[in-house]
Amino acid sequence: MKYGEYTALRESVKLRLRAARESVDVLETLDRILDSYGEELKKTVGVGESLEGQVHAEVAADGELRELALDPSLMAMPADELSRAVLEAIQTATDEAREKVRPLSEESPDQ
């Protein structure tokens, strides 16, 4: 190998190494952002109620129903009415959780 070829090859390796280090830095930053986003998602819960608070639901950002509480007085209610009230509370909680998550997903990585 001639000296000129060696020099060109060496410079090429240095440039690729620099680009690889920059890529690692970007990936590490992205990893930190995703960790932070994941922690926020874990804490995000939407709350919904119906029948003036007699039905209470909590839904996590991932859609998991975390809590469903029914006032005991509702047990005498017709099943179809109770079912609609439960679904209404869950839907309200789901919508609230989505709204809370939306700003997180709209943030740019620079923020």
Protein backbone atom coordinates (compact mmCIF):
# COMPACT_ATOMS: atom_id res chain seq x y z
CA MET A 1 0.00 0.00 0.00
CA LYS A 2 1.32 3.41 -0.93
CA TYR A 3 1.51 6.18 1.60
CA GLY A 4 -1.18 8.20 -0.21
CA GLU A 5 -3.56 5.22 -0.11
CA TYR A 6 -2.78 4.66 3.54
CA THR A 7 -3.50 8.31 4.36
CA ALA A 8 -6.80 8.27 2.45
CA LEU A 9 -7.87 5.03 4.12
CA ARG A 10 -6.90 6.33 7.55
CA GLU A 11 -8.90 9.54 6.99
CA SER A 12 -11.90 7.52 5.81
CA VAL A 13 -11.78 5.39 8.96
CA LYS A 14 -11.58 8.51 11.15
CA LEU A 15 -14.59 10.04 9.41
CA ARG A 16 -16.63 6.86 9.80
CA LEU A 17 -15.61 6.55 13.44
CA ARG A 18 -16.69 10.16 14.09
CA ALA A 19 -20.04 9.52 12.37
CA ALA A 20 -20.52 6.33 14.41
CA ARG A 21 -19.85 8.22 17.67
CA GLU A 22 -22.37 10.89 16.67
CA SER A 23 -24.91 8.16 15.91
CA VAL A 24 -24.32 6.61 19.33
CA ASP A 25 -24.86 10.02 20.96
CA VAL A 26 -28.14 10.46 19.09
CA LEU A 27 -29.30 6.96 20.02
CA GLU A 28 -28.41 7.49 23.69
CA THR A 29 -30.39 10.75 23.70
CA LEU A 30 -33.34 9.01 22.07
CA ASP A 31 -33.13 6.23 24.65
CA ARG A 32 -33.30 8.78 27.50
CA ILE A 33 -36.29 10.49 25.87
CA LEU A 34 -38.11 7.19 25.46
CA ASP A 35 -37.41 6.23 29.08
CA SER A 36 -38.85 9.54 30.23
CA TYR A 37 -41.88 9.12 27.95
CA GLY A 38 -42.45 5.61 29.29
CA GLU A 39 -42.36 6.83 32.88
CA GLU A 40 -44.91 9.52 32.07
CA LEU A 41 -47.14 6.97 30.36
CA LYS A 42 -47.07 4.73 33.43
CA LYS A 43 -48.31 7.62 35.58
CA THR A 44 -51.02 8.80 33.16
CA VAL A 45 -54.56 7.81 34.12
CA GLY A 46 -57.89 9.09 32.87
CA VAL A 47 -60.89 9.28 35.16
CA GLY A 48 -64.51 9.00 34.12
CA GLU A 49 -67.79 9.01 35.98
CA SER A 50 -71.44 8.60 35.19
CA LEU A 51 -74.70 8.69 37.07
CA GLU A 52 -73.47 11.64 39.13
CA GLY A 53 -70.38 9.80 40.36
CA GLN A 54 -72.09 6.55 41.24
CA VAL A 55 -70.02 4.84 38.54
CA HIS A 56 -66.30 5.63 38.64
CA ALA A 57 -63.68 4.33 36.19
CA GLU A 58 -59.93 4.83 35.83
CA VAL A 59 -58.14 3.90 32.61
CA ALA A 60 -54.37 3.92 32.08
CA ALA A 61 -52.76 5.50 29.02
CA ASP A 62 -52.23 2.02 27.54
CA GLY A 63 -56.00 1.39 27.68
CA GLU A 64 -55.93 -0.87 30.75
CA LEU A 65 -58.96 -0.50 33.00
CA ARG A 66 -57.34 0.16 36.37
CA GLU A 67 -60.40 0.70 38.50
CA LEU A 68 -64.15 0.36 38.26
CA ALA A 69 -66.27 1.28 41.25
CA LEU A 70 -70.03 1.02 41.45
CA ASP A 71 -72.19 2.46 44.16
CA PRO A 72 -74.04 -0.47 45.81
CA SER A 73 -77.37 1.26 45.25
CA LEU A 74 -76.94 0.62 41.52
CA MET A 75 -77.37 -3.13 41.90
CA ALA A 76 -81.15 -2.72 41.68
CA MET A 77 -80.83 -0.86 38.37
CA PRO A 78 -81.80 -2.69 35.15
CA ALA A 79 -78.74 -4.38 33.66
CA ASP A 80 -78.88 -2.55 30.32
CA GLU A 81 -78.96 0.87 32.04
CA LEU A 82 -76.10 -0.08 34.34
CA SER A 83 -74.13 -1.40 31.40
CA ARG A 84 -74.54 1.89 29.52
CA ALA A 85 -73.47 3.86 32.60
CA VAL A 86 -70.38 1.69 33.05
CA LEU A 87 -69.43 2.05 29.38
CA GLU A 88 -69.94 5.80 29.56
CA ALA A 89 -67.59 6.12 32.55
CA ILE A 90 -64.96 3.91 30.90
CA GLN A 91 -65.17 5.84 27.62
CA THR A 92 -64.83 9.16 29.42
CA ALA A 93 -61.79 7.85 31.31
CA THR A 94 -60.25 6.50 28.09
CA ASP A 95 -60.78 9.82 26.31
CA GLU A 96 -59.21 11.72 29.21
CA ALA A 97 -56.17 9.42 29.25
CA ARG A 98 -55.70 9.95 25.50
CA GLU A 99 -55.92 13.71 25.90
CA LYS A 100 -53.31 13.63 28.65
CA VAL A 101 -50.94 11.58 26.47
CA ARG A 102 -51.38 13.69 23.33
CA PRO A 103 -49.03 16.52 24.45
CA LEU A 104 -46.35 13.96 25.30
CA SER A 105 -46.47 12.46 21.82
CA GLU A 106 -46.36 15.90 20.17
CA GLU A 107 -43.16 17.01 21.93
CA SER A 108 -40.10 17.14 19.75
CA PRO A 109 -36.93 15.34 20.84
CA ASP A 110 -35.26 18.76 21.27
CA GLN A 111 -37.59 19.67 24.15
